Protein backbone atom coordinates (compact mmCIF):
# COMPACT_ATOMS: atom_id res chain seq x y z
CA MET A 1 87.24 -102.04 -84.23
CA HIS A 2 87.34 -98.32 -85.03
CA ARG A 3 84.64 -96.09 -83.63
CA VAL A 4 82.46 -94.38 -86.20
CA ILE A 5 80.28 -91.48 -85.21
CA HIS A 6 77.60 -90.67 -87.78
CA HIS A 7 75.67 -87.45 -87.23
CA ASP A 8 72.17 -88.09 -88.56
CA PRO A 9 70.62 -84.79 -89.69
CA ARG A 10 67.04 -85.97 -89.09
CA PRO A 11 65.01 -84.60 -86.19
CA ALA A 12 65.16 -86.68 -83.02
CA ALA A 13 61.46 -87.46 -83.31
CA GLU A 14 62.12 -89.30 -86.55
CA LEU A 15 64.93 -91.32 -85.05
CA ASP A 16 63.03 -92.41 -81.93
CA ARG A 17 61.02 -95.18 -83.55
CA SER A 18 59.57 -98.20 -81.84
CA GLY A 19 59.09 -101.67 -83.26
CA PRO A 20 61.41 -104.14 -84.96
CA PRO A 21 63.74 -102.96 -87.72
CA GLY A 22 62.51 -103.33 -91.27
CA PRO A 23 64.34 -104.10 -94.52
CA ALA A 24 65.38 -100.46 -94.93
CA ASP A 25 66.94 -100.51 -91.48
CA HIS A 26 68.90 -103.68 -92.24
CA ALA A 27 70.08 -102.24 -95.55
CA GLN A 28 71.28 -99.04 -93.90
CA ALA A 29 72.97 -100.88 -91.05
CA GLY A 30 74.57 -103.34 -93.41
CA GLU A 31 75.93 -100.59 -95.61
CA VAL A 32 77.57 -98.87 -92.63
CA LEU A 33 79.00 -102.17 -91.41
CA GLN A 34 80.38 -102.93 -94.87
CA ARG A 35 82.02 -99.53 -95.02
CA ILE A 36 83.58 -100.11 -91.61
CA ALA A 37 84.90 -103.50 -92.74
CA HIS A 38 86.34 -101.94 -95.88
CA ARG A 39 87.93 -99.22 -93.81
CA ARG A 40 89.56 -101.81 -91.54
CA SER A 41 91.01 -103.60 -94.55
CA ARG A 42 92.50 -100.34 -95.78
CA VAL A 43 94.05 -99.66 -92.39
CA ALA A 44 95.50 -103.18 -92.26
CA HIS A 45 96.96 -102.84 -95.74
CA ASP A 46 98.31 -99.28 -95.61
CA GLY A 47 98.85 -98.77 -91.94
CA GLN A 48 96.98 -95.44 -92.21
CA PRO A 49 93.24 -94.79 -92.39
CA PRO A 50 92.08 -93.39 -95.73
CA ALA A 51 91.07 -89.75 -95.87
CA VAL A 52 87.39 -89.06 -95.40
CA THR A 53 85.86 -86.34 -97.54
CA GLY A 54 82.35 -84.99 -97.98
CA ARG A 55 80.07 -86.41 -100.65
CA GLY A 56 81.76 -89.40 -102.28
CA GLY A 57 83.74 -90.26 -99.13
CA LEU A 58 83.50 -93.59 -97.33
CA LEU A 59 80.67 -92.52 -95.11
CA GLY A 60 79.13 -89.76 -97.21
CA GLU A 61 78.48 -86.17 -96.34
CA ASP A 62 77.91 -84.93 -92.77
CA ALA A 63 79.67 -87.96 -91.22
CA ALA A 64 82.13 -87.27 -88.44
CA VAL A 65 84.78 -89.98 -88.13
CA ASP A 66 86.92 -90.54 -85.08
CA VAL A 67 89.73 -93.08 -85.51
CA PRO A 68 91.57 -93.43 -82.19
CA ARG A 69 94.28 -95.89 -81.25
CA ARG A 70 92.90 -99.43 -81.28
CA PRO A 71 91.79 -100.29 -77.70
CA SER A 72 92.62 -103.54 -76.01
CA VAL A 73 90.24 -106.49 -76.23
CA ARG A 74 89.49 -106.18 -72.53
CA GLN A 75 88.67 -102.50 -72.88
CA ARG A 76 86.45 -103.17 -75.88
CA ARG A 77 84.51 -105.82 -74.01
CA HIS A 78 84.17 -103.52 -71.03
CA ASP A 79 82.91 -100.59 -73.13
CA ARG A 80 80.64 -102.61 -75.44
CA PRO A 81 79.70 -105.95 -73.89
CA HIS A 82 76.79 -106.36 -76.29
CA LEU A 83 79.22 -106.45 -79.22
CA ALA A 84 81.50 -108.88 -77.44
CA ARG A 85 78.64 -111.28 -76.91
CA ARG A 86 77.35 -111.11 -80.47
CA GLY A 87 80.73 -111.46 -82.16
CA LYS A 88 81.44 -111.63 -85.89
CA ALA A 89 78.63 -114.04 -86.66
CA HIS A 90 76.11 -111.23 -86.32
CA LEU A 91 77.95 -109.09 -88.86
CA HIS A 92 78.07 -111.96 -91.36
CA GLN A 93 74.39 -112.68 -90.77
CA GLN A 94 73.41 -109.07 -91.47
CA GLN A 95 75.51 -108.81 -94.59
CA ALA A 96 74.15 -112.09 -95.94
CA CYS A 97 70.68 -110.49 -96.01
CA LEU A 98 71.79 -107.58 -98.18
CA PRO A 99 71.53 -107.25 -101.97
CA ASP A 100 74.80 -107.39 -103.86
CA GLN A 101 74.98 -103.64 -104.35
CA HIS A 102 75.00 -103.10 -100.58
CA ARG A 103 77.87 -105.54 -100.11
CA GLN A 104 80.19 -103.70 -102.48
CA PRO A 105 82.54 -101.28 -100.74
CA GLN A 106 82.02 -97.65 -101.67
CA ARG A 107 85.45 -96.38 -102.60
CA ARG A 108 86.57 -92.88 -101.97
CA GLY A 109 85.95 -90.54 -104.89
CA GLN A 110 83.60 -92.96 -106.61
CA GLY A 111 81.07 -90.20 -107.15
CA GLY A 112 83.47 -87.95 -109.05
CA ALA A 113 85.38 -84.81 -108.28
CA ASN A 114 82.36 -82.55 -108.29
CA ASP A 115 80.05 -84.65 -106.12
CA ASP A 116 79.46 -81.71 -103.81
CA CYS A 117 77.98 -79.77 -106.72
CA LEU A 118 75.49 -82.39 -107.80
CA SER A 119 72.91 -82.44 -105.05
CA MET A 120 71.88 -80.88 -101.81
CA SER A 121 73.19 -82.20 -98.51
CA ALA A 122 70.73 -84.02 -96.30
CA ASP A 123 70.56 -81.28 -93.69
CA HIS A 124 68.72 -79.00 -96.14
CA ARG A 125 66.00 -81.52 -97.01
CA GLY A 126 63.66 -80.68 -94.18
CA SER A 127 65.79 -80.46 -91.05
CA PRO A 128 64.51 -78.11 -88.33
CA ALA A 129 67.48 -75.80 -88.98
CA MET A 130 66.06 -74.49 -92.23
CA PRO A 131 66.78 -70.81 -92.87
CA GLN A 132 64.26 -68.00 -92.85
CA VAL A 133 62.27 -67.03 -95.93
CA GLY A 134 64.58 -65.42 -98.43
CA GLN A 135 67.83 -66.35 -96.73
CA PRO A 136 70.41 -66.98 -99.46
CA ALA A 137 72.50 -70.10 -99.38
CA HIS A 138 75.81 -68.30 -99.16
CA ASP A 139 74.85 -66.85 -95.76
CA ARG A 140 75.12 -70.36 -94.37
CA PRO A 141 78.47 -72.23 -94.56
CA ALA A 142 78.33 -75.85 -95.64
CA ARG A 143 79.54 -78.51 -93.21
CA THR A 144 82.20 -81.11 -93.65
CA SER A 145 82.77 -84.46 -92.03
CA ALA A 146 85.26 -82.82 -89.72
CA GLY A 147 82.75 -80.22 -88.57
CA GLY A 148 84.38 -77.30 -90.40
CA THR A 149 83.34 -75.54 -93.56
CA ARG A 150 83.47 -77.35 -96.87
CA SER A 151 85.40 -75.80 -99.70
CA ALA A 152 83.22 -74.27 -102.38
CA CYS A 153 82.43 -76.01 -105.63
CA PRO A 154 84.62 -75.05 -108.59
CA ARG A 155 83.59 -71.56 -109.65
CA PRO A 156 82.49 -70.78 -113.17
CA GLU A 157 84.48 -68.08 -114.89
CA ALA A 158 82.12 -65.23 -114.05
CA SER A 159 82.94 -62.08 -112.12
CA LEU A 160 79.25 -61.59 -111.38
CA LEU A 161 78.93 -64.52 -108.99
CA PRO A 162 77.61 -63.46 -105.58
CA ALA A 163 80.21 -62.39 -103.07
CA GLY A 164 80.46 -64.76 -100.14
CA GLY A 165 80.35 -67.97 -102.14
CA GLY A 166 80.80 -68.82 -105.81
CA LEU A 167 77.60 -70.78 -106.30
CA THR A 168 77.50 -72.98 -109.35
CA LEU A 169 74.55 -74.65 -110.96
CA GLY A 170 73.57 -77.37 -108.53
CA GLY A 171 76.00 -76.25 -105.87
CA SER A 172 73.86 -74.04 -103.64
CA THR A 173 70.63 -74.18 -101.73
CA LEU A 174 67.66 -72.07 -102.60
CA GLN A 175 65.31 -71.27 -99.83
CA SER A 176 61.72 -70.15 -99.87
CA ARG A 177 58.87 -70.63 -97.46
CA PRO A 178 58.52 -74.42 -97.06
CA VAL A 179 55.02 -75.47 -98.06
CA ASN A 180 55.07 -79.23 -97.61
CA ARG A 181 58.15 -80.22 -95.68
CA GLU A 182 57.13 -83.85 -95.11
CA GLN A 183 56.29 -84.73 -98.70
CA GLU A 184 58.88 -82.41 -100.27
CA MET A 185 56.40 -81.29 -102.93
CA LEU A 186 56.10 -78.01 -104.77
CA GLN A 187 52.76 -76.26 -105.11
CA LEU A 188 51.11 -74.56 -108.04
CA ALA A 189 50.07 -70.91 -107.97
CA ALA A 190 48.69 -68.76 -110.76
CA PHE A 191 47.90 -65.29 -111.99
CA ALA A 192 44.26 -66.34 -112.01
CA ASP A 193 43.05 -63.17 -113.71
CA GLU A 194 44.44 -64.61 -116.95
CA ILE A 195 41.61 -67.17 -116.82
CA SER A 196 38.72 -64.75 -116.46
CA PRO A 197 37.84 -61.47 -114.72
CA ASP A 198 35.22 -63.38 -112.72
CA LEU A 199 36.42 -64.59 -109.31
CA ASP A 200 34.22 -67.70 -109.25
CA GLU A 201 35.52 -68.78 -112.66
CA GLN A 202 39.10 -68.14 -111.56
CA ILE A 203 38.61 -70.37 -108.51
CA ARG A 204 36.84 -73.12 -110.47
CA VAL A 205 39.52 -73.39 -113.16
CA CYS A 206 42.39 -73.17 -110.68
CA LYS A 207 40.97 -75.98 -108.55
CA ALA A 208 40.38 -78.12 -111.63
CA ASN A 209 44.06 -77.73 -112.56
CA GLY A 210 45.60 -78.34 -109.14
CA VAL A 211 46.38 -74.68 -108.37
CA THR A 212 46.22 -73.97 -104.64
CA HIS A 213 47.21 -70.28 -104.45
CA PHE A 214 46.58 -67.04 -106.30
CA GLU A 215 49.18 -64.52 -107.31
CA LEU A 216 46.61 -61.79 -106.85
CA ARG A 217 46.75 -59.16 -109.61
CA SER A 218 43.17 -58.26 -110.51
CA VAL A 219 39.54 -59.33 -110.09
CA GLN A 220 36.63 -57.96 -112.14
CA LYS A 221 39.27 -56.03 -114.12
CA ILE A 222 40.10 -54.03 -110.99
CA ASN A 223 43.80 -53.87 -110.10
CA VAL A 224 44.68 -55.39 -106.75
CA LEU A 225 45.85 -52.02 -105.39
CA ASP A 226 42.40 -50.56 -106.08
CA PHE A 227 40.31 -53.17 -104.24
CA ASP A 228 37.88 -51.61 -101.78
CA ALA A 229 37.22 -53.17 -98.39
CA GLY A 230 34.17 -55.06 -99.64
CA LEU A 231 35.99 -56.70 -102.56
CA ARG A 232 38.96 -57.59 -100.37
CA GLY A 233 36.70 -59.33 -97.88
CA GLN A 234 34.75 -61.16 -100.59
CA ILE A 235 37.93 -62.52 -102.20
CA LYS A 236 39.37 -63.62 -98.89
CA ARG A 237 36.17 -65.44 -97.88
CA LYS A 238 35.74 -67.23 -101.20
CA LEU A 239 39.34 -68.37 -101.31
CA ALA A 240 39.13 -69.67 -97.76
CA ASP A 241 35.85 -71.47 -98.49
CA ASN A 242 37.60 -73.28 -101.35
CA GLY A 243 40.74 -74.15 -99.41
CA MET A 244 42.87 -71.70 -101.37
CA GLY A 245 45.27 -68.93 -100.44
CA VAL A 246 47.35 -66.04 -101.78
CA VAL A 247 51.09 -66.50 -102.26
CA SER A 248 51.87 -63.04 -103.61
CA ILE A 249 50.39 -59.65 -104.30
CA GLY A 250 51.07 -59.27 -108.02
CA SER A 251 51.43 -55.51 -107.77
CA PRO A 252 52.57 -53.14 -110.54
CA ILE A 253 54.92 -51.31 -108.15
CA GLY A 254 58.03 -50.18 -110.02
CA LYS A 255 56.41 -50.70 -113.40
CA VAL A 256 56.41 -46.96 -114.00
CA LYS A 257 58.89 -44.42 -115.32
CA ILE A 258 61.60 -43.50 -112.85
CA ASN A 259 60.75 -39.78 -113.13
CA GLU A 260 57.14 -40.21 -112.00
CA SER A 261 56.11 -38.93 -108.56
CA TRP A 262 57.86 -40.98 -105.90
CA PRO A 263 55.73 -40.06 -102.83
CA GLN A 264 52.55 -41.07 -104.64
CA HIS A 265 54.11 -44.33 -105.80
CA MET A 266 55.38 -45.08 -102.30
CA ASP A 267 51.83 -44.70 -101.01
CA ARG A 268 50.72 -47.30 -103.55
CA PHE A 269 53.50 -49.58 -102.38
CA LYS A 270 52.23 -49.33 -98.80
CA ILE A 271 48.81 -50.50 -100.01
CA ALA A 272 50.46 -53.57 -101.57
CA VAL A 273 52.14 -54.42 -98.27
CA GLU A 274 48.87 -53.92 -96.39
CA LEU A 275 47.17 -56.31 -98.83
CA ALA A 276 49.86 -58.93 -98.33
CA GLU A 277 49.28 -58.81 -94.59
CA PHE A 278 45.49 -58.91 -95.05
CA PHE A 279 45.61 -61.99 -97.29
CA GLY A 280 48.48 -63.68 -95.43
CA ALA A 281 50.71 -63.59 -98.52
CA PRO A 282 54.46 -63.95 -97.93
CA PHE A 283 55.45 -61.99 -101.06
CA VAL A 284 54.85 -58.67 -102.80
CA ARG A 285 55.92 -58.68 -106.46
CA LEU A 286 57.52 -55.50 -107.80
CA PHE A 287 59.70 -54.13 -110.61
CA SER A 288 62.66 -51.76 -110.99
CA TYR A 289 61.36 -48.90 -113.15
CA TYR A 290 61.37 -47.84 -116.79
CA PRO A 291 63.56 -45.02 -118.15
CA PRO A 292 61.97 -41.56 -118.53
CA GLU A 293 62.07 -41.91 -122.31
CA LYS A 294 61.71 -45.04 -124.42
CA GLY A 295 65.09 -46.67 -124.93
CA GLY A 296 66.72 -44.39 -122.38
CA ASP A 297 69.72 -45.39 -120.29
CA LEU A 298 68.60 -46.39 -116.80
CA LYS A 299 72.16 -46.60 -115.53
CA ARG A 300 72.06 -42.82 -115.15
CA HIS A 301 69.23 -43.33 -112.65
CA ARG A 302 70.81 -46.23 -110.77
CA GLU A 303 71.33 -44.35 -107.51
CA GLU A 304 67.72 -43.19 -107.41
CA ILE A 305 66.50 -46.73 -108.11
CA MET A 306 68.61 -48.10 -105.27
CA ARG A 307 67.44 -45.35 -102.93
CA ARG A 308 63.81 -46.23 -103.61
CA PHE A 309 64.42 -49.92 -103.02
CA ARG A 310 66.18 -49.18 -99.73
CA GLU A 311 63.18 -47.18 -98.58
CA LYS A 312 60.79 -49.99 -99.53
CA VAL A 313 62.93 -52.61 -97.81
CA GLN A 314 63.10 -50.47 -94.68
CA TYR A 315 59.30 -50.18 -94.68
CA VAL A 316 58.84 -53.98 -94.51
CA LYS A 317 61.74 -54.54 -92.10
CA ASN A 318 59.48 -55.65 -89.25
CA ARG A 319 56.61 -56.99 -91.34
CA PRO A 320 56.03 -60.63 -92.38
CA VAL A 321 56.53 -59.79 -96.05
CA VAL A 322 59.37 -60.33 -98.53
CA LEU A 323 59.62 -58.16 -101.64
CA VAL A 324 60.30 -60.16 -104.81
CA HIS A 325 61.75 -58.39 -107.84
CA GLU A 326 60.59 -59.75 -111.18
CA ASN A 327 62.94 -59.38 -114.13
CA GLU A 328 61.11 -57.62 -116.95
CA LYS A 329 62.05 -56.38 -120.41
CA ASP A 330 63.07 -52.70 -120.59
CA ILE A 331 63.20 -52.05 -116.83
CA PHE A 332 66.45 -51.60 -114.90
CA GLY A 333 66.43 -55.28 -113.87
CA GLU A 334 65.72 -56.78 -117.28
CA LYS A 335 68.96 -58.79 -117.37
CA GLY A 336 70.83 -60.95 -114.93
CA ALA A 337 73.72 -58.55 -114.30
CA GLU A 338 71.40 -55.72 -113.26
CA CYS A 339 69.23 -58.03 -111.14
CA LEU A 340 72.36 -59.21 -109.35
CA ASP A 341 73.51 -55.60 -108.93
CA LEU A 342 70.19 -54.84 -107.23
CA MET A 343 70.44 -57.84 -104.91
CA ARG A 344 74.05 -57.14 -103.97
CA THR A 345 73.57 -53.42 -103.46
CA ILE A 346 70.48 -53.67 -101.25
CA ASP A 347 71.86 -56.81 -99.61
CA ASP A 348 68.83 -57.54 -97.46
CA PRO A 349 66.80 -60.75 -97.01
CA LYS A 350 63.65 -58.67 -97.39
CA LEU A 351 64.44 -58.27 -101.10
CA ARG A 352 64.74 -61.36 -103.27
CA CYS A 353 64.10 -62.54 -106.85
CA ALA A 354 61.06 -63.85 -108.66
CA PHE A 355 62.71 -65.70 -111.55
CA ASP A 356 60.85 -65.39 -114.87
CA PHE A 357 62.11 -67.55 -117.76
CA ALA A 358 60.23 -65.89 -120.62
CA ASN A 359 61.15 -62.36 -119.57
CA PHE A 360 64.86 -63.21 -119.74
CA VAL A 361 64.39 -64.76 -123.19
CA GLN A 362 62.57 -61.64 -124.39
CA ALA A 363 65.48 -59.55 -123.07
CA GLY A 364 67.86 -61.61 -125.24
CA GLU A 365 69.41 -63.73 -122.48
CA ARG A 366 69.72 -67.47 -121.99
CA PRO A 367 68.14 -68.30 -118.61
CA MET A 368 70.81 -70.96 -117.94
CA ASP A 369 73.44 -68.22 -118.10
CA VAL A 370 71.53 -66.10 -115.61
CA TRP A 371 70.44 -68.84 -113.22
CA PRO A 372 73.79 -69.35 -111.42
CA LEU A 373 73.91 -65.62 -110.66
CA LEU A 374 70.40 -65.28 -109.24
CA LYS A 375 69.93 -68.75 -107.81
CA PRO A 376 71.05 -67.79 -104.27
CA TYR A 377 68.47 -64.99 -104.22
CA THR A 378 65.52 -66.77 -105.86
CA VAL A 379 62.53 -67.45 -103.60
CA HIS A 380 59.74 -67.47 -106.18
CA ILE A 381 59.46 -68.78 -109.75
CA HIS A 382 57.12 -67.64 -112.52
CA ILE A 383 56.26 -70.20 -115.17
CA LYS A 384 56.09 -69.01 -118.73
CA ASP A 385 58.34 -69.84 -121.66
CA ALA A 386 59.20 -67.90 -124.82
CA LEU A 387 60.92 -68.18 -128.18
CA LEU A 388 64.15 -66.34 -128.90
CA GLY A 389 63.87 -63.86 -131.73
CA SER A 390 60.12 -63.44 -131.84
CA GLY A 391 59.65 -63.37 -128.06
CA LYS A 392 56.38 -65.28 -128.45
CA VAL A 393 55.18 -66.81 -125.18
CA VAL A 394 54.59 -70.57 -125.26
CA PRO A 395 53.81 -73.31 -122.68
CA ALA A 396 56.60 -74.40 -120.36
CA GLY A 397 59.22 -76.55 -122.07
CA GLN A 398 58.21 -75.53 -125.59
CA GLY A 399 60.42 -72.45 -125.90
CA ASP A 400 63.98 -71.31 -125.25
CA GLY A 401 63.53 -70.64 -121.54
CA GLN A 402 65.38 -73.82 -120.50
CA VAL A 403 62.66 -74.40 -117.92
CA ALA A 404 63.31 -78.11 -117.31
CA PRO A 405 67.02 -78.06 -116.40
CA ILE A 406 66.60 -75.01 -114.19
CA LEU A 407 63.63 -76.45 -112.32
CA VAL A 408 65.49 -79.74 -111.85
CA ASP A 409 68.46 -77.90 -110.40
CA ALA A 410 66.24 -75.69 -108.25
CA TYR A 411 64.44 -78.68 -106.77
CA LYS A 412 67.65 -80.64 -106.15
CA SER A 413 69.13 -77.57 -104.51
CA GLY A 414 66.31 -77.28 -102.01
CA TYR A 415 63.67 -75.07 -103.62
CA ARG A 416 60.34 -75.89 -101.97
CA GLY A 417 58.31 -72.86 -102.97
CA PHE A 418 55.68 -72.21 -105.59
CA LEU A 419 55.63 -72.52 -109.36
CA SER A 420 53.38 -69.67 -110.40
CA LEU A 421 51.67 -70.00 -113.77
CA GLU A 422 51.61 -66.79 -115.80
CA PRO A 423 50.84 -68.25 -119.24
CA HIS A 424 50.20 -65.11 -121.40
CA LEU A 425 49.04 -67.47 -124.16
CA LYS A 426 46.40 -65.15 -125.70
CA VAL A 427 47.56 -61.68 -124.75
CA ALA A 428 50.88 -60.62 -123.26
CA GLY A 429 50.19 -57.02 -122.34
CA HIS A 430 52.18 -54.39 -120.46
CA SER A 431 50.22 -54.78 -117.22
CA HIS A 432 48.23 -57.96 -117.71
CA GLY A 433 47.99 -61.21 -119.61
CA GLU A 434 45.11 -63.19 -121.01
CA THR A 435 44.92 -66.95 -121.45
CA GLY A 436 41.36 -68.20 -120.96
CA PRO A 437 40.22 -71.45 -119.30
CA GLU A 438 41.17 -73.81 -122.14
CA LEU A 439 44.64 -72.45 -122.77
CA PHE A 440 45.22 -72.19 -119.04
CA LYS A 441 44.72 -75.95 -118.86
CA THR A 442 47.19 -76.32 -121.73
CA ALA A 443 49.76 -74.31 -119.78
CA ALA A 444 49.14 -76.24 -116.55
CA ASP A 445 49.32 -79.61 -118.30
CA ALA A 446 52.60 -78.67 -119.97
CA LEU A 447 54.17 -77.79 -116.62
CA LYS A 448 52.84 -80.94 -114.96
CA ALA A 449 54.22 -83.11 -117.77
CA LEU A 450 57.60 -81.38 -117.55
CA CYS A 451 57.76 -81.93 -113.80
CA ARG A 452 56.61 -85.54 -114.07
CA GLN A 453 59.23 -86.34 -116.71
CA ASN A 454 61.97 -84.81 -114.58
CA GLY A 455 61.02 -86.23 -111.19
CA ILE A 456 59.79 -82.97 -109.65
CA PRO A 457 56.80 -83.70 -107.37
CA LEU A 458 53.84 -81.31 -107.43
CA ALA A 459 51.30 -81.32 -104.61
CA GLY A 460 47.79 -82.30 -105.61
CA VAL A 461 48.82 -83.49 -109.07
């Protein structure tokens, strides 16, 4: 019998279980035994073992297969006396307990030519070797059954794909701070100031709608960067008392004209970073500047924009904070190509993307066209949808933002971060939005329904 070595990606603690095997154990063992039996029949027929690939191969992805010369019967009994004693009857007994689908051999290539592009490999679903916050997928080579690197998925015809790995829709792994590794659920966050200026009302409505974290932008109509020490402490205490937290400082950094005073703006940026550390938020949201004049060409200011981002990234180099750039209409990074240019040029895990569906629609782009470009850099997702043409903001799934297919792909690819509600259903202003308690519930319910219909689990929902 050929030796099969299967590298299980689960932590050792999960594998060291006591007690008798259950039905799931028998099904798994029977499936492996059936594959081995099928493999033996192929060897007997062809004289050569069939090739073993990644996903869709005989043993699936991450399996290492060693097929040595068949040992003698004496050697086999010496090496594995327990198998010699049990004989073939045990194999037949196990297979007899299996449903029909487990007794059918899984033939090579059954899953199709692009199986590797369809879902995430098991080692990214909660293994201890998860990357740091903001680490893009293409920094980590995929494994093959032989222990080498797997060839990339077929690349789309796009010169903008990130260097270091042509990552197609469904073919890469997003990575953000894991929030519920065991249950594999996403969590809801919100720009709570859209509900009401009052902090208590913000907390009440968020809790009623399953929101666990604030994207902190303003309280009492005071911008987050202008909070005094007393207001900071009050917000932190009340959130803690209600079991809530802050996922991001929703700062207006970079939402100014590029020719405005840089030293003064950099000082404001430092306040945002200080607030993130104070509230324990992993992210600071920022933008990439408006032109000096309306409708001006920001490409002329590209070098200055990049210089400013380098300085900001250097400032947080040794701090527990990641800067997330939000795409926004009329700024340098309003479209996918410019956002990708920013990510590639700065090329630092301290700068990543906050993907906003509605803002891409309002900039005249289809989010599904942009998603493959920015997917490797996306660590945070804003939830609002919009209609092409008018740009009107609508609940998730009711516009042209293609929210459902992108969220499905993000989740399958390993995204375990936050979905941050930014509804803008009453007012979609330059520096704020307004929704109110009732429409906020409408926005939250729309997102929950979309996730439920597409098999995306939300914590607390």
